[in-house]
Amino acid sequence: MNQASSTQGTGDQPAAPMTPLKGLLVLLAIIVVVGAFIALNSALGVHDFWAGFLFLLYWAGIEHAALEKVPACVVGSVVGLTMAWLLQSLPVWFGDAGGLIFMGLILALVYCQVMGWLTLAVNFATMLLLTAGTIPAVQKGVDFGDAFVGLGLAFVYFIGLVWIGTRVMAKRQPAAAGQTGKA
């Protein structure tokens, strides 16, 4: 998450590059946060929590953990994982017709993506979870109930951490501004 090439700084100025020490501290924080998420899933007996990491990858890496992007990332992730589950379930329920139903649903999703329709539900988060969830090796060994629980835990855990961090930083901002003005 090096922001050296980003223009997320104030105005048109790029953000200052991250120092190696600050980079190591960020890495340490990531290790703690990810380790705690894995521990939480393990404590709850959730083994298929990969979908939660894909949500995090998309929301944090692509959407920069923007809270205003949460609804589309959450809904898109649920739709994508649901579609992956349907690839497994529809043929069981309907035989060969289930595969055809699934293909029709995929074509409808891709068309919505191409046209920019239903963007709350059909977006790149949808496609990421759908793509990973339909990998044959994943389909062979996944417990989708577990994957949905892991995804839900990721929503609560990661969104909660960012929301709390945002609130804490907002409360610290006026204090820091007041100290700067006194100098």
C-alpha atoms as a PDB file:
ATOM      1  CA  MET A   1       0.000   0.000   0.000  1.00  0.00           C
ATOM      2  CA  ASN A   2       2.808   2.364  -0.803  1.00  0.00           C
ATOM      3  CA  GLN A   3       1.215   5.668  -1.608  1.00  0.00           C
ATOM      4  CA  ALA A   4       4.264   7.199  -3.265  1.00  0.00           C
ATOM      5  CA  SER A   5       2.655   7.181  -6.697  1.00  0.00           C
ATOM      6  CA  SER A   6      -0.816   8.009  -5.432  1.00  0.00           C
ATOM      7  CA  THR A   7      -2.488  11.382  -5.691  1.00  0.00           C
ATOM      8  CA  GLN A   8      -4.431  10.861  -2.491  1.00  0.00           C
ATOM      9  CA  GLY A   9      -2.571  13.632  -0.714  1.00  0.00           C
ATOM     10  CA  THR A  10      -4.039  17.079  -0.251  1.00  0.00           C
ATOM     11  CA  GLY A  11      -4.886  18.938  -3.431  1.00  0.00           C
ATOM     12  CA  ASP A  12      -2.921  17.796  -6.461  1.00  0.00           C
ATOM     13  CA  GLN A  13       0.202  16.965  -4.437  1.00  0.00           C
ATOM     14  CA  PRO A  14       1.102  13.270  -4.279  1.00  0.00           C
ATOM     15  CA  ALA A  15       1.371  11.706  -0.838  1.00  0.00           C
ATOM     16  CA  ALA A  16       4.857  11.532   0.661  1.00  0.00           C
ATOM     17  CA  PRO A  17       6.610   8.188   0.133  1.00  0.00           C
ATOM     18  CA  MET A  18       6.523   5.798   3.053  1.00  0.00           C
ATOM     19  CA  THR A  19       9.789   5.446   4.963  1.00  0.00           C
ATOM     20  CA  PRO A  20      11.217   1.939   5.439  1.00  0.00           C
ATOM     21  CA  LEU A  21      10.555   2.116   9.200  1.00  0.00           C
ATOM     22  CA  LYS A  22       6.962   3.197   8.697  1.00  0.00           C
ATOM     23  CA  GLY A  23       6.594   0.419   6.097  1.00  0.00           C
ATOM     24  CA  LEU A  24       7.785  -2.141   8.654  1.00  0.00           C
ATOM     25  CA  LEU A  25       5.324  -0.796  11.226  1.00  0.00           C
ATOM     26  CA  VAL A  26       2.497  -1.064   8.686  1.00  0.00           C
ATOM     27  CA  LEU A  27       3.607  -4.628   7.895  1.00  0.00           C
ATOM     28  CA  LEU A  28       3.559  -5.475  11.604  1.00  0.00           C
ATOM     29  CA  ALA A  29       0.045  -4.025  11.935  1.00  0.00           C
ATOM     30  CA  ILE A  30      -1.110  -6.078   8.928  1.00  0.00           C
ATOM     31  CA  ILE A  31       0.343  -9.242  10.486  1.00  0.00           C
ATOM     32  CA  VAL A  32      -1.507  -8.569  13.739  1.00  0.00           C
ATOM     33  CA  VAL A  33      -4.823  -7.746  12.036  1.00  0.00           C
ATOM     34  CA  VAL A  34      -4.698 -10.726   9.661  1.00  0.00           C
ATOM     35  CA  GLY A  35      -3.507 -13.055  12.423  1.00  0.00           C
ATOM     36  CA  ALA A  36      -6.382 -11.964  14.641  1.00  0.00           C
ATOM     37  CA  PHE A  37      -8.861 -12.580  11.811  1.00  0.00           C
ATOM     38  CA  ILE A  38      -7.480 -16.071  11.253  1.00  0.00           C
ATOM     39  CA  ALA A  39      -7.589 -16.737  15.009  1.00  0.00           C
ATOM     40  CA  LEU A  40     -11.200 -15.522  15.170  1.00  0.00           C
ATOM     41  CA  ASN A  41     -12.216 -17.869  12.366  1.00  0.00           C
ATOM     42  CA  SER A  42     -10.324 -20.758  13.922  1.00  0.00           C
ATOM     43  CA  ALA A  43     -11.892 -20.128  17.333  1.00  0.00           C
ATOM     44  CA  LEU A  44     -15.331 -20.231  15.731  1.00  0.00           C
ATOM     45  CA  GLY A  45     -14.520 -23.383  13.731  1.00  0.00           C
ATOM     46  CA  VAL A  46     -14.698 -21.603  10.366  1.00  0.00           C
ATOM     47  CA  HIS A  47     -12.270 -23.162   7.909  1.00  0.00           C
ATOM     48  CA  ASP A  48     -13.324 -21.658   4.569  1.00  0.00           C
ATOM     49  CA  PHE A  49     -12.646 -17.985   5.262  1.00  0.00           C
ATOM     50  CA  TRP A  50     -10.871 -17.314   1.962  1.00  0.00           C
ATOM     51  CA  ALA A  51     -13.882 -15.339   0.713  1.00  0.00           C
ATOM     52  CA  GLY A  52     -13.330 -12.857   3.546  1.00  0.00           C
ATOM     53  CA  PHE A  53      -9.779 -12.265   2.375  1.00  0.00           C
ATOM     54  CA  LEU A  54     -10.977 -11.725  -1.196  1.00  0.00           C
ATOM     55  CA  PHE A  55     -13.465  -9.139   0.091  1.00  0.00           C
ATOM     56  CA  LEU A  56     -10.615  -7.463   1.980  1.00  0.00           C
ATOM     57  CA  LEU A  57      -8.350  -7.572  -1.065  1.00  0.00           C
ATOM     58  CA  TYR A  58     -10.958  -5.847  -3.186  1.00  0.00           C
ATOM     59  CA  TRP A  59     -12.237  -3.326  -0.632  1.00  0.00           C
ATOM     60  CA  ALA A  60      -8.832  -2.362   0.802  1.00  0.00           C
ATOM     61  CA  GLY A  61      -6.685  -2.791  -2.295  1.00  0.00           C
ATOM     62  CA  ILE A  62      -8.961  -1.474  -5.029  1.00  0.00           C
ATOM     63  CA  GLU A  63     -11.410   0.756  -3.138  1.00  0.00           C
ATOM     64  CA  HIS A  64      -8.796   1.910  -0.563  1.00  0.00           C
ATOM     65  CA  ALA A  65     -11.073   0.834   2.329  1.00  0.00           C
ATOM     66  CA  ALA A  66     -13.433   3.716   1.560  1.00  0.00           C
ATOM     67  CA  LEU A  67     -16.458   3.415   3.824  1.00  0.00           C
ATOM     68  CA  GLU A  68     -18.729   4.834   1.128  1.00  0.00           C
ATOM     69  CA  LYS A  69     -17.789   1.836  -1.068  1.00  0.00           C
ATOM     70  CA  VAL A  70     -18.831  -0.719   1.585  1.00  0.00           C
ATOM     71  CA  PRO A  71     -22.386  -1.355   0.324  1.00  0.00           C
ATOM     72  CA  ALA A  72     -21.309  -2.269  -3.213  1.00  0.00           C
ATOM     73  CA  CYS A  73     -18.348  -4.314  -1.968  1.00  0.00           C
ATOM     74  CA  VAL A  74     -20.496  -6.244   0.517  1.00  0.00           C
ATOM     75  CA  VAL A  75     -23.416  -6.867  -1.833  1.00  0.00           C
ATOM     76  CA  GLY A  76     -21.109  -7.678  -4.735  1.00  0.00           C
ATOM     77  CA  SER A  77     -19.134 -10.155  -2.618  1.00  0.00           C
ATOM     78  CA  VAL A  78     -22.321 -11.889  -1.455  1.00  0.00           C
ATOM     79  CA  VAL A  79     -23.654 -12.085  -5.020  1.00  0.00           C
ATOM     80  CA  GLY A  80     -20.337 -13.477  -6.287  1.00  0.00           C
ATOM     81  CA  LEU A  81     -20.120 -16.137  -3.570  1.00  0.00           C
ATOM     82  CA  THR A  82     -23.787 -17.000  -4.066  1.00  0.00           C
ATOM     83  CA  MET A  83     -23.174 -17.528  -7.761  1.00  0.00           C
ATOM     84  CA  ALA A  84     -20.231 -19.803  -6.990  1.00  0.00           C
ATOM     85  CA  TRP A  85     -22.482 -21.780  -4.639  1.00  0.00           C
ATOM     86  CA  LEU A  86     -25.133 -22.000  -7.363  1.00  0.00           C
ATOM     87  CA  LEU A  87     -22.585 -23.569  -9.724  1.00  0.00           C
ATOM     88  CA  GLN A  88     -22.354 -26.393  -7.199  1.00  0.00           C
ATOM     89  CA  SER A  89     -26.041 -26.513  -6.247  1.00  0.00           C
ATOM     90  CA  LEU A  90     -28.061 -25.978  -9.428  1.00  0.00           C
ATOM     91  CA  PRO A  91     -26.830 -29.154 -11.193  1.00  0.00           C
ATOM     92  CA  VAL A  92     -27.599 -31.170  -8.034  1.00  0.00           C
ATOM     93  CA  TRP A  93     -31.120 -29.761  -7.913  1.00  0.00           C
ATOM     94  CA  PHE A  94     -31.939 -29.750 -11.640  1.00  0.00           C
ATOM     95  CA  GLY A  95     -29.424 -32.053 -13.331  1.00  0.00           C
ATOM     96  CA  ASP A  96     -28.103 -30.876 -16.683  1.00  0.00           C
ATOM     97  CA  ALA A  97     -30.721 -28.119 -16.755  1.00  0.00           C
ATOM     98  CA  GLY A  98     -29.053 -26.684 -13.614  1.00  0.00           C
ATOM     99  CA  GLY A  99     -25.849 -26.153 -15.580  1.00  0.00           C
ATOM    100  CA  LEU A 100     -27.788 -24.339 -18.282  1.00  0.00           C
ATOM    101  CA  ILE A 101     -29.576 -22.196 -15.687  1.00  0.00           C
ATOM    102  CA  PHE A 102     -26.198 -21.310 -14.189  1.00  0.00           C
ATOM    103  CA  MET A 103     -24.807 -20.343 -17.596  1.00  0.00           C
ATOM    104  CA  GLY A 104     -27.849 -18.130 -18.197  1.00  0.00           C
ATOM    105  CA  LEU A 105     -27.283 -16.416 -14.837  1.00  0.00           C
ATOM    106  CA  ILE A 106     -23.596 -15.887 -15.668  1.00  0.00           C
ATOM    107  CA  LEU A 107     -24.484 -14.358 -19.031  1.00  0.00           C
ATOM    108  CA  ALA A 108     -26.964 -12.028 -17.316  1.00  0.00           C
ATOM    109  CA  LEU A 109     -24.317 -10.969 -14.757  1.00  0.00           C
ATOM    110  CA  VAL A 110     -21.691 -10.338 -17.400  1.00  0.00           C
ATOM    111  CA  TYR A 111     -24.172  -8.357 -19.492  1.00  0.00           C
ATOM    112  CA  CYS A 112     -25.070  -6.234 -16.452  1.00  0.00           C
ATOM    113  CA  GLN A 113     -21.345  -5.691 -15.811  1.00  0.00           C
ATOM    114  CA  VAL A 114     -20.729  -4.671 -19.423  1.00  0.00           C
ATOM    115  CA  MET A 115     -23.722  -2.315 -19.434  1.00  0.00           C
ATOM    116  CA  GLY A 116     -22.986  -0.853 -16.006  1.00  0.00           C
ATOM    117  CA  TRP A 117     -26.376  -1.947 -14.671  1.00  0.00           C
ATOM    118  CA  LEU A 118     -27.181  -2.978 -11.086  1.00  0.00           C
ATOM    119  CA  THR A 119     -23.767  -1.772  -9.931  1.00  0.00           C
ATOM    120  CA  LEU A 120     -24.618  -2.260  -6.263  1.00  0.00           C
ATOM    121  CA  ALA A 121     -24.869  -6.009  -6.865  1.00  0.00           C
ATOM    122  CA  VAL A 122     -22.883  -6.604 -10.048  1.00  0.00           C
ATOM    123  CA  ASN A 123     -19.399  -5.162  -9.834  1.00  0.00           C
ATOM    124  CA  PHE A 124     -15.778  -6.265  -9.716  1.00  0.00           C
ATOM    125  CA  ALA A 125     -16.189  -7.600  -6.162  1.00  0.00           C
ATOM    126  CA  THR A 126     -18.898  -9.875  -7.587  1.00  0.00           C
ATOM    127  CA  MET A 127     -16.627 -11.048 -10.361  1.00  0.00           C
ATOM    128  CA  LEU A 128     -13.667 -11.620  -8.029  1.00  0.00           C
ATOM    129  CA  LEU A 129     -15.643 -13.860  -5.649  1.00  0.00           C
ATOM    130  CA  LEU A 130     -17.386 -15.578  -8.566  1.00  0.00           C
ATOM    131  CA  THR A 131     -14.106 -16.270 -10.350  1.00  0.00           C
ATOM    132  CA  ALA A 132     -12.319 -17.637  -7.283  1.00  0.00           C
ATOM    133  CA  GLY A 133     -15.353 -19.582  -6.092  1.00  0.00           C
ATOM    134  CA  THR A 134     -15.798 -21.366  -9.416  1.00  0.00           C
ATOM    135  CA  ILE A 135     -12.230 -22.655  -9.639  1.00  0.00           C
ATOM    136  CA  PRO A 136     -12.626 -26.455  -9.886  1.00  0.00           C
ATOM    137  CA  ALA A 137     -10.290 -27.144  -6.942  1.00  0.00           C
ATOM    138  CA  VAL A 138     -12.287 -24.705  -4.799  1.00  0.00           C
ATOM    139  CA  GLN A 139     -15.599 -26.205  -5.912  1.00  0.00           C
ATOM    140  CA  LYS A 140     -14.327 -29.673  -5.038  1.00  0.00           C
ATOM    141  CA  GLY A 141     -13.441 -28.913  -1.433  1.00  0.00           C
ATOM    142  CA  VAL A 142     -15.416 -25.861  -0.315  1.00  0.00           C
ATOM    143  CA  ASP A 143     -18.055 -25.804   2.389  1.00  0.00           C
ATOM    144  CA  PHE A 144     -20.113 -22.849   1.177  1.00  0.00           C
ATOM    145  CA  GLY A 145     -21.885 -22.482   4.523  1.00  0.00           C
ATOM    146  CA  ASP A 146     -18.463 -21.994   6.098  1.00  0.00           C
ATOM    147  CA  ALA A 147     -17.412 -19.611   3.308  1.00  0.00           C
ATOM    148  CA  PHE A 148     -20.486 -17.430   3.883  1.00  0.00           C
ATOM    149  CA  VAL A 149     -19.791 -17.330   7.631  1.00  0.00           C
ATOM    150  CA  GLY A 150     -16.151 -16.400   6.937  1.00  0.00           C
ATOM    151  CA  LEU A 151     -17.292 -13.678   4.553  1.00  0.00           C
ATOM    152  CA  GLY A 152     -19.729 -12.305   7.124  1.00  0.00           C
ATOM    153  CA  LEU A 153     -17.023 -12.301   9.789  1.00  0.00           C
ATOM    154  CA  ALA A 154     -14.769 -10.378   7.396  1.00  0.00           C
ATOM    155  CA  PHE A 155     -17.480  -7.769   6.900  1.00  0.00           C
ATOM    156  CA  VAL A 156     -17.887  -7.232  10.624  1.00  0.00           C
ATOM    157  CA  TYR A 157     -14.192  -7.465  11.488  1.00  0.00           C
ATOM    158  CA  PHE A 158     -12.518  -5.461   8.724  1.00  0.00           C
ATOM    159  CA  ILE A 159     -15.238  -2.860   8.204  1.00  0.00           C
ATOM    160  CA  GLY A 160     -15.481  -2.500  11.975  1.00  0.00           C
ATOM    161  CA  LEU A 161     -11.729  -1.947  12.312  1.00  0.00           C
ATOM    162  CA  VAL A 162     -11.704   0.695   9.586  1.00  0.00           C
ATOM    163  CA  TRP A 163     -14.789   2.408  11.019  1.00  0.00           C
ATOM    164  CA  ILE A 164     -13.245   2.507  14.513  1.00  0.00           C
ATOM    165  CA  GLY A 165      -9.910   3.695  13.108  1.00  0.00           C
ATOM    166  CA  THR A 166     -11.662   6.440  11.146  1.00  0.00           C
ATOM    167  CA  ARG A 167     -13.513   7.609  14.256  1.00  0.00           C
ATOM    168  CA  VAL A 168     -10.344   7.594  16.368  1.00  0.00           C
ATOM    169  CA  MET A 169      -8.397   9.524  13.730  1.00  0.00           C
ATOM    170  CA  ALA A 170     -11.225  12.062  13.386  1.00  0.00           C
ATOM    171  CA  LYS A 171     -11.122  12.709  17.146  1.00  0.00           C
ATOM    172  CA  ARG A 172      -7.337  13.072  17.052  1.00  0.00           C
ATOM    173  CA  GLN A 173      -7.446  15.476  14.084  1.00  0.00           C
ATOM    174  CA  PRO A 174      -8.780  18.539  15.976  1.00  0.00           C
ATOM    175  CA  ALA A 175      -6.289  17.956  18.789  1.00  0.00           C
ATOM    176  CA  ALA A 176      -3.383  17.800  16.327  1.00  0.00           C
ATOM    177  CA  ALA A 177      -4.611  20.908  14.506  1.00  0.00           C
ATOM    178  CA  GLY A 178      -4.826  22.784  17.810  1.00  0.00           C
ATOM    179  CA  GLN A 179      -1.245  21.837  18.702  1.00  0.00           C
ATOM    180  CA  THR A 180       0.019  23.002  15.313  1.00  0.00           C
ATOM    181  CA  GLY A 181      -1.642  26.379  15.733  1.00  0.00           C
ATOM    182  CA  LYS A 182       0.083  26.939  19.098  1.00  0.00           C
ATOM    183  CA  ALA A 183       3.588  26.640  17.686  1.00  0.00           C
END
